[in-house]
C-alpha atoms as a PDB file:
ATOM      1  CA  MET A   1      -8.016  28.001  -1.616  1.00  0.00           C
ATOM      2  CA  ALA A   2      -7.040  24.399  -2.139  1.00  0.00           C
ATOM      3  CA  VAL A   3      -6.614  21.960   0.502  1.00  0.00           C
ATOM      4  CA  ASP A   4      -4.117  19.371   0.072  1.00  0.00           C
ATOM      5  CA  ALA A   5      -4.342  15.569   1.127  1.00  0.00           C
ATOM      6  CA  ALA A   6      -1.578  15.901   3.766  1.00  0.00           C
ATOM      7  CA  GLN A   7      -3.661  18.951   5.615  1.00  0.00           C
ATOM      8  CA  LEU A   8      -6.886  17.183   5.239  1.00  0.00           C
ATOM      9  CA  TRP A   9      -4.891  14.058   6.803  1.00  0.00           C
ATOM     10  CA  THR A  10      -3.690  15.942   9.446  1.00  0.00           C
ATOM     11  CA  LEU A  11      -6.805  17.540  10.543  1.00  0.00           C
ATOM     12  CA  ASN A  12      -8.383  14.279  10.753  1.00  0.00           C
ATOM     13  CA  HIS A  13      -5.768  12.898  12.738  1.00  0.00           C
ATOM     14  CA  ARG A  14      -5.765  15.965  15.214  1.00  0.00           C
ATOM     15  CA  LEU A  15      -9.441  15.259  15.519  1.00  0.00           C
ATOM     16  CA  LEU A  16      -9.237  11.633  16.544  1.00  0.00           C
ATOM     17  CA  THR A  17      -6.454  12.654  18.851  1.00  0.00           C
ATOM     18  CA  ALA A  18      -8.699  15.326  20.515  1.00  0.00           C
ATOM     19  CA  VAL A  19     -11.520  12.733  20.768  1.00  0.00           C
ATOM     20  CA  LEU A  20      -9.433  10.192  22.372  1.00  0.00           C
ATOM     21  CA  ASP A  21      -7.747  12.847  24.715  1.00  0.00           C
ATOM     22  CA  GLU A  22     -11.372  13.692  25.823  1.00  0.00           C
ATOM     23  CA  ALA A  23     -12.615  10.268  26.334  1.00  0.00           C
ATOM     24  CA  GLY A  24      -9.189   9.094  28.026  1.00  0.00           C
ATOM     25  CA  THR A  25     -10.332   9.711  31.554  1.00  0.00           C
ATOM     26  CA  GLN A  26     -13.149   7.318  31.096  1.00  0.00           C
ATOM     27  CA  LEU A  27     -11.108   4.939  29.438  1.00  0.00           C
ATOM     28  CA  GLU A  28      -8.730   4.796  32.334  1.00  0.00           C
ATOM     29  CA  GLU A  29     -11.397   4.457  34.956  1.00  0.00           C
ATOM     30  CA  LEU A  30     -12.223   1.415  32.864  1.00  0.00           C
ATOM     31  CA  GLY A  31      -8.634   0.219  33.176  1.00  0.00           C
ATOM     32  CA  LEU A  32      -7.712   0.678  29.682  1.00  0.00           C
ATOM     33  CA  GLU A  33      -5.320   2.398  27.503  1.00  0.00           C
ATOM     34  CA  PRO A  34      -6.428   3.857  24.123  1.00  0.00           C
ATOM     35  CA  LYS A  35      -4.471   1.185  22.392  1.00  0.00           C
ATOM     36  CA  GLU A  36      -6.035  -1.559  24.480  1.00  0.00           C
ATOM     37  CA  PHE A  37      -9.380  -0.148  23.630  1.00  0.00           C
ATOM     38  CA  PHE A  38      -8.637  -0.467  20.037  1.00  0.00           C
ATOM     39  CA  VAL A  39      -7.632  -4.354  20.564  1.00  0.00           C
ATOM     40  CA  LEU A  40     -11.052  -4.948  22.485  1.00  0.00           C
ATOM     41  CA  ALA A  41     -12.884  -3.369  19.676  1.00  0.00           C
ATOM     42  CA  GLU A  42     -11.207  -5.281  17.037  1.00  0.00           C
ATOM     43  CA  VAL A  43     -10.824  -8.516  18.700  1.00  0.00           C
ATOM     44  CA  ALA A  44     -14.222  -9.887  17.636  1.00  0.00           C
ATOM     45  CA  ALA A  45     -13.824  -9.411  13.985  1.00  0.00           C
ATOM     46  CA  SER A  46      -9.953 -10.406  14.185  1.00  0.00           C
ATOM     47  CA  PRO A  47      -9.592 -12.882  16.764  1.00  0.00           C
ATOM     48  CA  HIS A  48      -6.324 -14.017  15.989  1.00  0.00           C
ATOM     49  CA  PRO A  49      -3.279 -11.911  17.012  1.00  0.00           C
ATOM     50  CA  ALA A  50      -1.414 -11.888  14.009  1.00  0.00           C
ATOM     51  CA  ARG A  51      -4.781 -10.701  12.410  1.00  0.00           C
ATOM     52  CA  LEU A  52      -5.149  -8.039  14.881  1.00  0.00           C
ATOM     53  CA  ALA A  53      -2.012  -6.696  14.349  1.00  0.00           C
ATOM     54  CA  LYS A  54      -2.436  -6.398  10.634  1.00  0.00           C
ATOM     55  CA  GLU A  55      -6.152  -4.521  11.150  1.00  0.00           C
ATOM     56  CA  LEU A  56      -4.794  -2.432  13.438  1.00  0.00           C
ATOM     57  CA  VAL A  57      -1.305  -1.555  11.873  1.00  0.00           C
ATOM     58  CA  ILE A  58       0.623  -2.137  14.792  1.00  0.00           C
ATOM     59  CA  PRO A  59       3.539  -4.319  15.255  1.00  0.00           C
ATOM     60  CA  LYS A  60       2.874  -7.951  16.649  1.00  0.00           C
ATOM     61  CA  ALA A  61       5.052  -7.330  19.869  1.00  0.00           C
ATOM     62  CA  SER A  62       2.913  -4.625  20.849  1.00  0.00           C
ATOM     63  CA  VAL A  63      -0.106  -6.766  20.319  1.00  0.00           C
ATOM     64  CA  THR A  64       1.300  -9.540  22.274  1.00  0.00           C
ATOM     65  CA  VAL A  65       1.590  -6.669  25.083  1.00  0.00           C
ATOM     66  CA  TYR A  66      -1.835  -5.415  24.814  1.00  0.00           C
ATOM     67  CA  VAL A  67      -3.291  -8.888  24.695  1.00  0.00           C
ATOM     68  CA  ARG A  68      -1.340 -10.070  27.732  1.00  0.00           C
ATOM     69  CA  ASN A  69      -2.581  -6.918  29.833  1.00  0.00           C
ATOM     70  CA  LEU A  70      -6.039  -7.624  28.513  1.00  0.00           C
ATOM     71  CA  VAL A  71      -5.899 -11.157  29.682  1.00  0.00           C
ATOM     72  CA  ALA A  72      -4.356  -9.901  33.356  1.00  0.00           C
ATOM     73  CA  LYS A  73      -7.231  -7.434  33.440  1.00  0.00           C
ATOM     74  CA  GLY A  74     -10.222 -10.292  32.640  1.00  0.00           C
ATOM     75  CA  PHE A  75     -11.220  -8.381  29.582  1.00  0.00           C
ATOM     76  CA  LEU A  76      -9.869 -11.270  27.178  1.00  0.00           C
ATOM     77  CA  ARG A  77      -8.995 -15.023  27.304  1.00  0.00           C
ATOM     78  CA  ARG A  78      -7.352 -17.203  24.954  1.00  0.00           C
ATOM     79  CA  GLU A  79      -8.780 -20.296  23.800  1.00  0.00           C
ATOM     80  CA  ILE A  80      -7.491 -23.132  21.208  1.00  0.00           C
ATOM     81  CA  ASP A  81      -8.892 -22.455  17.673  1.00  0.00           C
ATOM     82  CA  ASP A  82     -10.670 -25.593  16.914  1.00  0.00           C
ATOM     83  CA  ALA A  83     -10.006 -25.038  13.076  1.00  0.00           C
ATOM     84  CA  ASP A  84      -6.197 -25.105  13.533  1.00  0.00           C
ATOM     85  CA  LEU A  85      -5.150 -26.512  17.201  1.00  0.00           C
ATOM     86  CA  ARG A  86      -1.744 -25.247  16.810  1.00  0.00           C
ATOM     87  CA  ARG A  87      -3.328 -21.344  16.951  1.00  0.00           C
ATOM     88  CA  HIS A  88      -4.982 -19.854  19.728  1.00  0.00           C
ATOM     89  CA  ARG A  89      -7.865 -17.181  19.375  1.00  0.00           C
ATOM     90  CA  LEU A  90      -8.705 -14.407  21.777  1.00  0.00           C
ATOM     91  CA  VAL A  91     -12.319 -14.092  22.938  1.00  0.00           C
ATOM     92  CA  LEU A  92     -13.907 -11.367  24.767  1.00  0.00           C
ATOM     93  CA  THR A  93     -14.982 -12.100  28.430  1.00  0.00           C
ATOM     94  CA  ASP A  94     -18.195 -10.453  29.836  1.00  0.00           C
ATOM     95  CA  ASP A  95     -15.938  -7.920  31.506  1.00  0.00           C
ATOM     96  CA  GLY A  96     -14.377  -7.322  28.274  1.00  0.00           C
ATOM     97  CA  VAL A  97     -17.616  -6.574  26.456  1.00  0.00           C
ATOM     98  CA  ALA A  98     -18.740  -4.339  29.186  1.00  0.00           C
ATOM     99  CA  ALA A  99     -15.493  -2.330  29.099  1.00  0.00           C
ATOM    100  CA  ARG A 100     -15.768  -2.310  25.225  1.00  0.00           C
ATOM    101  CA  ASP A 101     -19.164  -1.031  25.089  1.00  0.00           C
ATOM    102  CA  ARG A 102     -18.387   1.434  27.814  1.00  0.00           C
ATOM    103  CA  SER A 103     -15.321   2.752  25.855  1.00  0.00           C
ATOM    104  CA  PHE A 104     -17.412   2.807  22.693  1.00  0.00           C
ATOM    105  CA  ALA A 105     -20.002   5.002  24.699  1.00  0.00           C
ATOM    106  CA  ALA A 106     -17.241   7.461  25.978  1.00  0.00           C
ATOM    107  CA  LEU A 107     -15.710   7.865  22.520  1.00  0.00           C
ATOM    108  CA  ALA A 108     -19.194   8.398  21.104  1.00  0.00           C
ATOM    109  CA  ALA A 109     -20.031  11.058  23.437  1.00  0.00           C
ATOM    110  CA  ALA A 110     -16.819  12.768  23.112  1.00  0.00           C
ATOM    111  CA  PHE A 111     -17.362  12.707  19.075  1.00  0.00           C
ATOM    112  CA  ASP A 112     -21.012  13.739  19.248  1.00  0.00           C
ATOM    113  CA  ARG A 113     -19.711  16.850  21.348  1.00  0.00           C
ATOM    114  CA  ARG A 114     -17.520  17.710  18.367  1.00  0.00           C
ATOM    115  CA  LEU A 115     -20.389  16.886  15.986  1.00  0.00           C
ATOM    116  CA  ALA A 116     -22.750  19.285  17.621  1.00  0.00           C
ATOM    117  CA  ARG A 117     -20.873  21.985  16.161  1.00  0.00           C
ATOM    118  CA  ILE A 118     -22.115  21.268  12.656  1.00  0.00           C
ATOM    119  CA  ALA A 119     -25.661  21.219  11.249  1.00  0.00           C
ATOM    120  CA  PRO A 120     -27.406  17.800  10.699  1.00  0.00           C
ATOM    121  CA  GLY A 121     -27.097  18.169   6.860  1.00  0.00           C
ATOM    122  CA  ASP A 122     -23.019  18.474   7.133  1.00  0.00           C
ATOM    123  CA  ARG A 123     -23.332  15.366   9.520  1.00  0.00           C
ATOM    124  CA  ALA A 124     -24.977  13.505   6.828  1.00  0.00           C
ATOM    125  CA  GLU A 125     -22.561  14.748   4.130  1.00  0.00           C
ATOM    126  CA  LEU A 126     -19.452  13.856   6.518  1.00  0.00           C
ATOM    127  CA  ALA A 127     -20.874  10.186   6.876  1.00  0.00           C
ATOM    128  CA  ARG A 128     -20.925   9.972   3.154  1.00  0.00           C
ATOM    129  CA  ILE A 129     -17.678  11.356   2.750  1.00  0.00           C
ATOM    130  CA  LEU A 130     -16.166   9.043   5.266  1.00  0.00           C
ATOM    131  CA  THR A 131     -17.786   6.270   3.826  1.00  0.00           C
ATOM    132  CA  ALA A 132     -16.611   6.776   0.409  1.00  0.00           C
ATOM    133  CA  LEU A 133     -13.155   7.395   1.621  1.00  0.00           C
ATOM    134  CA  LEU A 134     -13.164   3.962   3.122  1.00  0.00           C
ATOM    135  CA  GLU A 135     -14.317   1.963  -0.045  1.00  0.00           C
ATOM    136  CA  PRO A 136     -11.363   0.192  -1.651  1.00  0.00           C
ATOM    137  CA  ALA A 137      -9.856   1.981  -4.827  1.00  0.00           C
ATOM    138  CA  THR A 138     -11.157   0.644  -8.045  1.00  0.00           C
ATOM    139  CA  PRO A 139      -8.330  -0.811 -10.114  1.00  0.00           C
ATOM    140  CA  LEU A 140      -8.998   1.446 -12.834  1.00  0.00           C
ATOM    141  CA  GLU A 141      -8.021   4.638 -10.294  1.00  0.00           C
ATOM    142  CA  PRO A 142      -4.538   5.490 -10.644  1.00  0.00           C
ATOM    143  CA  ALA A 143      -2.817   6.754  -7.829  1.00  0.00           C
ATOM    144  CA  PRO A 144      -2.103  10.494  -7.929  1.00  0.00           C
ATOM    145  CA  GLU A 145       1.106  11.580  -8.580  1.00  0.00           C
ATOM    146  CA  VAL A 146       3.236  13.644  -6.444  1.00  0.00           C
ATOM    147  CA  SER A 147       4.715  16.687  -7.211  1.00  0.00           C
ATOM    148  CA  ARG A 148       7.914  17.738  -5.706  1.00  0.00           C
END
């Protein structure tokens, strides 16, 4: 039985949602909403709000709300960007690093409970497959045709 791409995408989305739901209580205890966690997780690699919005694929207005909340909670601070004094960059505070790390631990524990259901060799294969899916497509790879 063939499995189509939409079905795989849906299964993957359902898995990620289930893991987030399972870890949700711990995130709430840290004072974080799931989307705020994603901002904390990405801010070190993407310290400018516009870049955060692009990387997280969320509207800039939403990033502004999450950043405002995280600054108020003491997890982030805004600093003037020395490279461009017209912009500010976001920096994790010590509390922000602790919240991010504890959130990652909660998500990892929830995901590990799911992974325990499959054999170690299958885990390695899943890691290989996910890594391959995240690699950029080469210019020679045409997009598959969608039949209607």
